[in-house]
Protein backbone atom coordinates (compact mmCIF):
# COMPACT_ATOMS: atom_id res chain seq x y z
CA MET A 1 17.61 17.03 -14.73
CA VAL A 2 14.11 15.79 -15.36
CA GLU A 3 11.66 18.15 -17.00
CA THR A 4 8.12 17.72 -15.84
CA PHE A 5 4.67 18.82 -16.77
CA VAL A 6 1.92 18.09 -14.33
CA ASP A 7 -1.64 19.08 -15.06
CA PRO A 8 -3.07 21.15 -12.17
CA GLY A 9 -5.74 18.48 -11.68
CA CYS A 10 -3.18 15.67 -11.34
CA LYS A 11 -0.84 14.65 -8.56
CA VAL A 12 2.36 12.61 -8.88
CA VAL A 13 2.16 9.76 -6.38
CA ASN A 14 4.66 7.23 -7.74
CA ILE A 15 7.57 7.44 -10.14
CA ALA A 16 9.09 4.28 -11.58
CA LEU A 17 12.52 4.18 -13.18
CA VAL A 18 13.91 1.44 -15.40
CA GLY A 19 17.55 1.07 -16.36
CA ASN A 20 20.42 -1.19 -17.26
CA PHE A 21 23.96 -1.24 -15.86
CA SER A 22 25.08 -2.86 -19.16
CA LYS A 23 26.98 -5.55 -17.27
CA ASP A 24 26.13 -8.46 -15.01
CA VAL A 25 25.37 -7.82 -11.36
CA ASN A 26 26.91 -10.05 -8.69
CA ILE A 27 23.77 -10.78 -6.66
CA ASP A 28 25.67 -12.80 -4.03
CA ALA A 29 28.06 -9.91 -3.34
CA LEU A 30 25.16 -7.49 -3.05
CA MET A 31 23.39 -9.73 -0.56
CA ASN A 32 26.49 -9.57 1.65
CA THR A 33 27.02 -5.82 1.15
CA LEU A 34 23.59 -4.18 1.27
CA SER A 35 21.14 -4.02 4.13
CA SER A 36 17.41 -4.54 3.68
CA VAL A 37 17.63 -7.05 0.82
CA ARG A 38 15.57 -10.05 -0.15
CA PHE A 39 16.47 -12.62 -2.78
CA GLU A 40 14.48 -15.77 -3.29
CA PRO A 41 15.40 -17.01 -6.79
CA GLU A 42 12.95 -19.90 -6.61
CA HIS A 43 10.12 -17.32 -6.46
CA PHE A 44 11.49 -14.26 -8.28
CA PRO A 45 14.77 -13.77 -10.18
CA GLY A 46 15.51 -10.26 -8.87
CA LEU A 47 17.12 -9.03 -5.69
CA ILE A 48 14.80 -6.61 -3.90
CA HIS A 49 16.48 -3.81 -1.97
CA HIS A 50 14.60 -1.35 0.24
CA PRO A 51 17.20 1.34 0.94
CA PRO A 52 16.68 2.61 4.51
CA ALA A 53 17.41 6.18 3.41
CA PHE A 54 14.46 6.06 0.98
CA PRO A 55 11.31 4.88 2.77
CA GLY A 56 8.76 3.34 0.43
CA VAL A 57 11.29 2.84 -2.40
CA ALA A 58 12.13 -0.60 -3.80
CA ILE A 59 15.09 -1.25 -6.07
CA ILE A 60 14.86 -4.52 -7.98
CA LEU A 61 18.17 -5.71 -9.44
CA PHE A 62 18.56 -8.55 -11.89
CA GLN A 63 21.74 -10.50 -12.59
CA SER A 64 21.60 -9.27 -16.21
CA GLY A 65 22.24 -5.71 -14.98
CA LYS A 66 18.70 -4.50 -15.50
CA PHE A 67 16.96 -2.72 -12.66
CA VAL A 68 13.63 -1.18 -11.68
CA ILE A 69 13.16 1.50 -9.03
CA ALA A 70 9.61 1.99 -7.78
CA GLY A 71 8.02 4.10 -5.10
CA VAL A 72 9.81 7.38 -5.74
CA GLN A 73 7.38 10.13 -4.81
CA ASN A 74 9.10 13.24 -6.12
CA PHE A 75 11.58 14.14 -8.80
CA ASP A 76 14.10 15.58 -6.32
CA ARG A 77 14.81 12.07 -4.98
CA ILE A 78 15.87 10.74 -8.38
CA GLU A 79 19.36 12.27 -8.19
CA LEU A 80 19.87 10.90 -4.69
CA LEU A 81 18.82 7.46 -5.92
CA ARG A 82 21.28 7.78 -8.81
CA VAL A 83 24.05 8.26 -6.25
CA HIS A 84 22.78 5.23 -4.31
CA ILE A 85 22.75 3.11 -7.48
CA SER A 86 26.33 4.26 -8.24
CA TYR A 87 27.29 3.07 -4.76
CA ILE A 88 25.71 -0.30 -5.51
CA LEU A 89 27.67 -0.51 -8.77
CA ASN A 90 30.95 0.22 -7.04
CA THR A 91 30.47 -2.21 -4.14
CA GLY A 92 28.60 -5.18 -5.51
CA ILE A 93 29.52 -5.74 -9.11
């Protein structure tokens, strides 16, 4: 659970999450498993995944196991994204 404090004069518009799977990610397997992916290693070393169930969200996965999730607009979606990331771990690594 994420505890939050938001000043009444502020509005949360984007939440970014950073993490590490602590093991290498098989980018080639993910490209064949996930939909809505883009990987152009000559331009950027991370696989970019836009999960259809999460409009506006981008998950960037690196072969090292590090990842960035951007575009989350409310804290309730974080748990659902955790489940999605677990799916990615179980299918593509």
